[in-house]
Amino acid sequence: MNFNAEQFSAAQQANLTAAADLSQTAFAGFERLVELNMAAGKAAVGESFSNMQALMGAKSPQDLMAVQAALVQPAYEKSVSYGRHLADIANSTSAVFTKAVEGKMAESEKAVKSLVENSLKNAPAGSDAAVAVIKTAFEASQTAAETLKKVAKQAADTAESNIKAATAQAEASVKAAMSKAKAKA
């Protein structure tokens, strides 16, 4: 298999285009993160002043406790919402990168397989055993790569599921604590 200048140029152009696309994706993810943080910061500043006014308006320790209890639930909900938005940004950006990497890996596997097959066709007579070893090694490496991809996907899915479960458990704990605080007030 000859790798001529036109093939090299086409490969370089494809790689440049892929790099530009991934750069745009990374920048878009960063931009979404900045927007999320700006919105959260703006909301926090505005809410802190109104929260201070509510706390300063308390006439007794019981009023103060009631105001504090009333402020916890919305703050927690905003925190959970922020975390979900952050996870969404990370997951969507990661998904684009993963898809691009998988595409490039598939292209590379195809090119290597073609190169190996073409090289083996031109193998000298009597090298059948060596050819069989090379084919077996190549197939084993492809199987290992597929297994690694599956394991990585399972690990990511498990982590996401654990995060959702932990978030749900934390929400339930906060709601229970809020109910107790309201009952005391």
C-alpha atoms as a PDB file:
ATOM      1  CA  MET A   1       0.000   0.000   0.000  1.00  0.00           C
ATOM      2  CA  ASN A   2       1.536   3.252  -1.110  1.00  0.00           C
ATOM      3  CA  PHE A   3       0.722   6.321   0.874  1.00  0.00           C
ATOM      4  CA  ASN A   4       0.989   9.154  -1.623  1.00  0.00           C
ATOM      5  CA  ALA A   5       1.010  12.910  -1.102  1.00  0.00           C
ATOM      6  CA  GLU A   6      -2.690  13.273  -1.941  1.00  0.00           C
ATOM      7  CA  GLN A   7      -3.675  10.731   0.698  1.00  0.00           C
ATOM      8  CA  PHE A   8      -1.407  12.426   3.208  1.00  0.00           C
ATOM      9  CA  SER A   9      -2.890  15.832   2.390  1.00  0.00           C
ATOM     10  CA  ALA A  10      -6.442  14.494   2.672  1.00  0.00           C
ATOM     11  CA  ALA A  11      -5.651  12.884   6.026  1.00  0.00           C
ATOM     12  CA  GLN A  12      -4.096  16.107   7.314  1.00  0.00           C
ATOM     13  CA  GLN A  13      -7.103  18.133   6.156  1.00  0.00           C
ATOM     14  CA  ALA A  14      -9.502  15.696   7.849  1.00  0.00           C
ATOM     15  CA  ASN A  15      -7.492  15.861  11.073  1.00  0.00           C
ATOM     16  CA  LEU A  16      -7.424  19.658  10.950  1.00  0.00           C
ATOM     17  CA  THR A  17     -11.186  19.787  10.435  1.00  0.00           C
ATOM     18  CA  ALA A  18     -11.733  17.354  13.323  1.00  0.00           C
ATOM     19  CA  ALA A  19      -9.468  19.419  15.587  1.00  0.00           C
ATOM     20  CA  ALA A  20     -11.330  22.618  14.662  1.00  0.00           C
ATOM     21  CA  ASP A  21     -14.686  20.954  15.378  1.00  0.00           C
ATOM     22  CA  LEU A  22     -13.500  19.682  18.746  1.00  0.00           C
ATOM     23  CA  SER A  23     -12.099  23.115  19.605  1.00  0.00           C
ATOM     24  CA  GLN A  24     -15.490  24.653  18.844  1.00  0.00           C
ATOM     25  CA  THR A  25     -17.175  22.026  21.009  1.00  0.00           C
ATOM     26  CA  ALA A  26     -14.787  22.671  23.889  1.00  0.00           C
ATOM     27  CA  PHE A  27     -15.295  26.417  23.586  1.00  0.00           C
ATOM     28  CA  ALA A  28     -19.089  26.013  23.472  1.00  0.00           C
ATOM     29  CA  GLY A  29     -18.959  23.881  26.630  1.00  0.00           C
ATOM     30  CA  PHE A  30     -16.763  26.445  28.353  1.00  0.00           C
ATOM     31  CA  GLU A  31     -19.115  29.217  27.234  1.00  0.00           C
ATOM     32  CA  ARG A  32     -22.112  27.354  28.704  1.00  0.00           C
ATOM     33  CA  LEU A  33     -20.175  26.890  31.951  1.00  0.00           C
ATOM     34  CA  VAL A  34     -19.372  30.613  32.146  1.00  0.00           C
ATOM     35  CA  GLU A  35     -23.030  31.493  31.481  1.00  0.00           C
ATOM     36  CA  LEU A  36     -24.137  29.085  34.206  1.00  0.00           C
ATOM     37  CA  ASN A  37     -21.658  30.546  36.694  1.00  0.00           C
ATOM     38  CA  MET A  38     -22.592  34.127  35.809  1.00  0.00           C
ATOM     39  CA  ALA A  39     -26.293  33.378  36.293  1.00  0.00           C
ATOM     40  CA  ALA A  40     -25.608  31.577  39.581  1.00  0.00           C
ATOM     41  CA  GLY A  41     -23.404  34.422  40.816  1.00  0.00           C
ATOM     42  CA  LYS A  42     -25.935  37.077  39.866  1.00  0.00           C
ATOM     43  CA  ALA A  43     -28.735  35.160  41.579  1.00  0.00           C
ATOM     44  CA  ALA A  44     -26.613  34.585  44.694  1.00  0.00           C
ATOM     45  CA  VAL A  45     -25.804  38.283  45.059  1.00  0.00           C
ATOM     46  CA  GLY A  46     -29.441  39.309  44.661  1.00  0.00           C
ATOM     47  CA  GLU A  47     -30.689  36.641  47.037  1.00  0.00           C
ATOM     48  CA  SER A  48     -28.085  37.382  49.685  1.00  0.00           C
ATOM     49  CA  PHE A  49     -29.405  40.926  50.121  1.00  0.00           C
ATOM     50  CA  SER A  50     -33.023  39.824  50.372  1.00  0.00           C
ATOM     51  CA  ASN A  51     -32.017  37.014  52.754  1.00  0.00           C
ATOM     52  CA  MET A  52     -30.159  39.488  54.971  1.00  0.00           C
ATOM     53  CA  GLN A  53     -33.202  41.751  55.039  1.00  0.00           C
ATOM     54  CA  ALA A  54     -35.398  38.815  56.052  1.00  0.00           C
ATOM     55  CA  LEU A  55     -32.962  37.803  58.797  1.00  0.00           C
ATOM     56  CA  MET A  56     -32.692  41.382  60.075  1.00  0.00           C
ATOM     57  CA  GLY A  57     -36.486  41.609  60.193  1.00  0.00           C
ATOM     58  CA  ALA A  58     -36.726  38.770  62.707  1.00  0.00           C
ATOM     59  CA  LYS A  59     -38.123  40.029  66.016  1.00  0.00           C
ATOM     60  CA  SER A  60     -37.343  37.009  68.188  1.00  0.00           C
ATOM     61  CA  PRO A  61     -35.047  33.988  68.216  1.00  0.00           C
ATOM     62  CA  GLN A  62     -37.999  31.874  67.069  1.00  0.00           C
ATOM     63  CA  ASP A  63     -38.561  34.215  64.116  1.00  0.00           C
ATOM     64  CA  LEU A  64     -34.863  34.025  63.296  1.00  0.00           C
ATOM     65  CA  MET A  65     -34.942  30.206  63.345  1.00  0.00           C
ATOM     66  CA  ALA A  66     -38.044  30.179  61.150  1.00  0.00           C
ATOM     67  CA  VAL A  67     -36.436  32.521  58.604  1.00  0.00           C
ATOM     68  CA  GLN A  68     -33.251  30.440  58.548  1.00  0.00           C
ATOM     69  CA  ALA A  69     -35.242  27.235  58.077  1.00  0.00           C
ATOM     70  CA  ALA A  70     -37.197  28.824  55.237  1.00  0.00           C
ATOM     71  CA  LEU A  71     -33.948  29.816  53.483  1.00  0.00           C
ATOM     72  CA  VAL A  72     -32.366  26.351  53.556  1.00  0.00           C
ATOM     73  CA  GLN A  73     -34.725  24.548  51.158  1.00  0.00           C
ATOM     74  CA  PRO A  74     -34.504  27.062  48.276  1.00  0.00           C
ATOM     75  CA  ALA A  75     -30.722  27.252  48.669  1.00  0.00           C
ATOM     76  CA  TYR A  76     -30.451  23.481  48.538  1.00  0.00           C
ATOM     77  CA  GLU A  77     -32.731  23.259  45.489  1.00  0.00           C
ATOM     78  CA  LYS A  78     -30.643  25.861  43.678  1.00  0.00           C
ATOM     79  CA  SER A  79     -27.485  23.972  44.551  1.00  0.00           C
ATOM     80  CA  VAL A  80     -28.920  20.721  43.183  1.00  0.00           C
ATOM     81  CA  SER A  81     -30.109  22.510  40.053  1.00  0.00           C
ATOM     82  CA  TYR A  82     -26.655  24.016  39.545  1.00  0.00           C
ATOM     83  CA  GLY A  83     -25.086  20.575  39.911  1.00  0.00           C
ATOM     84  CA  ARG A  84     -27.483  19.103  37.368  1.00  0.00           C
ATOM     85  CA  HIS A  85     -26.781  21.866  34.871  1.00  0.00           C
ATOM     86  CA  LEU A  86     -23.057  21.423  35.412  1.00  0.00           C
ATOM     87  CA  ALA A  87     -23.342  17.654  34.883  1.00  0.00           C
ATOM     88  CA  ASP A  88     -25.410  18.246  31.737  1.00  0.00           C
ATOM     89  CA  ILE A  89     -22.734  20.543  30.306  1.00  0.00           C
ATOM     90  CA  ALA A  90     -19.992  18.058  31.125  1.00  0.00           C
ATOM     91  CA  ASN A  91     -21.937  15.081  29.763  1.00  0.00           C
ATOM     92  CA  SER A  92     -22.977  16.732  26.510  1.00  0.00           C
ATOM     93  CA  THR A  93     -19.467  18.037  25.831  1.00  0.00           C
ATOM     94  CA  SER A  94     -17.957  14.684  26.749  1.00  0.00           C
ATOM     95  CA  ALA A  95     -20.400  12.860  24.471  1.00  0.00           C
ATOM     96  CA  VAL A  96     -19.269  14.905  21.466  1.00  0.00           C
ATOM     97  CA  PHE A  97     -15.609  14.234  22.264  1.00  0.00           C
ATOM     98  CA  THR A  98     -16.282  10.524  22.790  1.00  0.00           C
ATOM     99  CA  LYS A  99     -18.127  10.257  19.485  1.00  0.00           C
ATOM    100  CA  ALA A 100     -15.279  12.000  17.667  1.00  0.00           C
ATOM    101  CA  VAL A 101     -12.640   9.793  19.280  1.00  0.00           C
ATOM    102  CA  GLU A 102     -14.617   6.647  18.506  1.00  0.00           C
ATOM    103  CA  GLY A 103     -14.941   7.768  14.880  1.00  0.00           C
ATOM    104  CA  LYS A 104     -11.209   8.395  14.590  1.00  0.00           C
ATOM    105  CA  MET A 105     -10.470   5.068  16.282  1.00  0.00           C
ATOM    106  CA  ALA A 106     -12.706   3.262  13.786  1.00  0.00           C
ATOM    107  CA  GLU A 107     -10.944   4.996  10.889  1.00  0.00           C
ATOM    108  CA  SER A 108      -7.546   4.116  12.322  1.00  0.00           C
ATOM    109  CA  GLU A 109      -8.528   0.489  12.890  1.00  0.00           C
ATOM    110  CA  LYS A 110      -9.772   0.262   9.322  1.00  0.00           C
ATOM    111  CA  ALA A 111      -6.563   1.780   7.944  1.00  0.00           C
ATOM    112  CA  VAL A 112      -4.335  -0.472  10.055  1.00  0.00           C
ATOM    113  CA  LYS A 113      -6.366  -3.538   9.119  1.00  0.00           C
ATOM    114  CA  SER A 114      -6.077  -2.649   5.439  1.00  0.00           C
ATOM    115  CA  LEU A 115      -2.342  -2.054   5.791  1.00  0.00           C
ATOM    116  CA  VAL A 116      -1.837  -5.370   7.583  1.00  0.00           C
ATOM    117  CA  GLU A 117      -3.933  -7.275   5.052  1.00  0.00           C
ATOM    118  CA  ASN A 118      -2.089  -5.716   2.114  1.00  0.00           C
ATOM    119  CA  SER A 119       1.263  -6.384   3.732  1.00  0.00           C
ATOM    120  CA  LEU A 120       0.338  -9.986   4.448  1.00  0.00           C
ATOM    121  CA  LYS A 121      -0.765 -10.545   0.851  1.00  0.00           C
ATOM    122  CA  ASN A 122       2.753  -9.678  -0.212  1.00  0.00           C
ATOM    123  CA  ALA A 123       4.402 -11.853   2.441  1.00  0.00           C
ATOM    124  CA  PRO A 124       7.134 -14.153   1.174  1.00  0.00           C
ATOM    125  CA  ALA A 125       6.366 -17.791   0.522  1.00  0.00           C
ATOM    126  CA  GLY A 126       6.643 -20.035   3.554  1.00  0.00           C
ATOM    127  CA  SER A 127       5.639 -17.323   6.026  1.00  0.00           C
ATOM    128  CA  ASP A 128       2.159 -18.724   6.619  1.00  0.00           C
ATOM    129  CA  ALA A 129       2.817 -19.319  10.326  1.00  0.00           C
ATOM    130  CA  ALA A 130       4.053 -15.753  10.830  1.00  0.00           C
ATOM    131  CA  VAL A 131       1.072 -14.396   8.893  1.00  0.00           C
ATOM    132  CA  ALA A 132      -1.303 -16.408  11.104  1.00  0.00           C
ATOM    133  CA  VAL A 133       0.381 -15.071  14.260  1.00  0.00           C
ATOM    134  CA  ILE A 134       0.111 -11.480  13.019  1.00  0.00           C
ATOM    135  CA  LYS A 135      -3.567 -11.901  12.099  1.00  0.00           C
ATOM    136  CA  THR A 136      -4.330 -13.477  15.473  1.00  0.00           C
ATOM    137  CA  ALA A 137      -2.503 -10.709  17.333  1.00  0.00           C
ATOM    138  CA  PHE A 138      -4.333  -8.029  15.351  1.00  0.00           C
ATOM    139  CA  GLU A 139      -7.727  -9.642  15.999  1.00  0.00           C
ATOM    140  CA  ALA A 140      -6.894 -10.010  19.700  1.00  0.00           C
ATOM    141  CA  SER A 141      -5.945  -6.335  19.943  1.00  0.00           C
ATOM    142  CA  GLN A 142      -9.225  -5.334  18.288  1.00  0.00           C
ATOM    143  CA  THR A 143     -11.174  -7.531  20.715  1.00  0.00           C
ATOM    144  CA  ALA A 144      -9.300  -6.038  23.668  1.00  0.00           C
ATOM    145  CA  ALA A 145     -10.019  -2.504  22.436  1.00  0.00           C
ATOM    146  CA  GLU A 146     -13.738  -3.287  22.108  1.00  0.00           C
ATOM    147  CA  THR A 147     -13.780  -4.787  25.601  1.00  0.00           C
ATOM    148  CA  LEU A 148     -12.078  -1.689  27.024  1.00  0.00           C
ATOM    149  CA  LYS A 149     -14.638   0.560  25.330  1.00  0.00           C
ATOM    150  CA  LYS A 150     -17.497  -1.457  26.819  1.00  0.00           C
ATOM    151  CA  VAL A 151     -15.953  -1.440  30.298  1.00  0.00           C
ATOM    152  CA  ALA A 152     -15.366   2.330  30.127  1.00  0.00           C
ATOM    153  CA  LYS A 153     -18.972   2.920  29.060  1.00  0.00           C
ATOM    154  CA  GLN A 154     -20.266   0.687  31.862  1.00  0.00           C
ATOM    155  CA  ALA A 155     -18.103   2.540  34.387  1.00  0.00           C
ATOM    156  CA  ALA A 156     -19.401   5.903  33.169  1.00  0.00           C
ATOM    157  CA  ASP A 157     -23.000   4.679  33.298  1.00  0.00           C
ATOM    158  CA  THR A 158     -22.491   3.296  36.813  1.00  0.00           C
ATOM    159  CA  ALA A 159     -20.930   6.561  38.003  1.00  0.00           C
ATOM    160  CA  GLU A 160     -23.810   8.585  36.558  1.00  0.00           C
ATOM    161  CA  SER A 161     -26.348   6.274  38.182  1.00  0.00           C
ATOM    162  CA  ASN A 162     -24.557   6.508  41.547  1.00  0.00           C
ATOM    163  CA  ILE A 163     -24.513  10.306  41.339  1.00  0.00           C
ATOM    164  CA  LYS A 164     -28.251  10.360  40.644  1.00  0.00           C
ATOM    165  CA  ALA A 165     -28.913   8.007  43.559  1.00  0.00           C
ATOM    166  CA  ALA A 166     -26.756  10.077  45.916  1.00  0.00           C
ATOM    167  CA  THR A 167     -28.514  13.264  44.815  1.00  0.00           C
ATOM    168  CA  ALA A 168     -31.930  11.702  45.400  1.00  0.00           C
ATOM    169  CA  GLN A 169     -30.849  10.490  48.835  1.00  0.00           C
ATOM    170  CA  ALA A 170     -29.474  13.919  49.747  1.00  0.00           C
ATOM    171  CA  GLU A 171     -32.708  15.562  48.592  1.00  0.00           C
ATOM    172  CA  ALA A 172     -34.725  13.196  50.758  1.00  0.00           C
ATOM    173  CA  SER A 173     -32.492  13.935  53.761  1.00  0.00           C
ATOM    174  CA  VAL A 174     -32.840  17.691  53.322  1.00  0.00           C
ATOM    175  CA  LYS A 175     -36.605  17.426  52.938  1.00  0.00           C
ATOM    176  CA  ALA A 176     -36.802  15.340  56.108  1.00  0.00           C
ATOM    177  CA  ALA A 177     -34.647  17.853  57.983  1.00  0.00           C
ATOM    178  CA  MET A 178     -36.794  20.708  56.670  1.00  0.00           C
ATOM    179  CA  SER A 179     -39.946  18.953  57.850  1.00  0.00           C
ATOM    180  CA  LYS A 180     -38.456  18.533  61.326  1.00  0.00           C
ATOM    181  CA  ALA A 181     -37.349  22.171  61.409  1.00  0.00           C
ATOM    182  CA  LYS A 182     -40.810  23.368  60.374  1.00  0.00           C
ATOM    183  CA  ALA A 183     -42.439  21.158  62.976  1.00  0.00           C
ATOM    184  CA  LYS A 184     -40.265  22.705  65.704  1.00  0.00           C
ATOM    185  CA  ALA A 185     -40.967  26.254  64.532  1.00  0.00           C
END
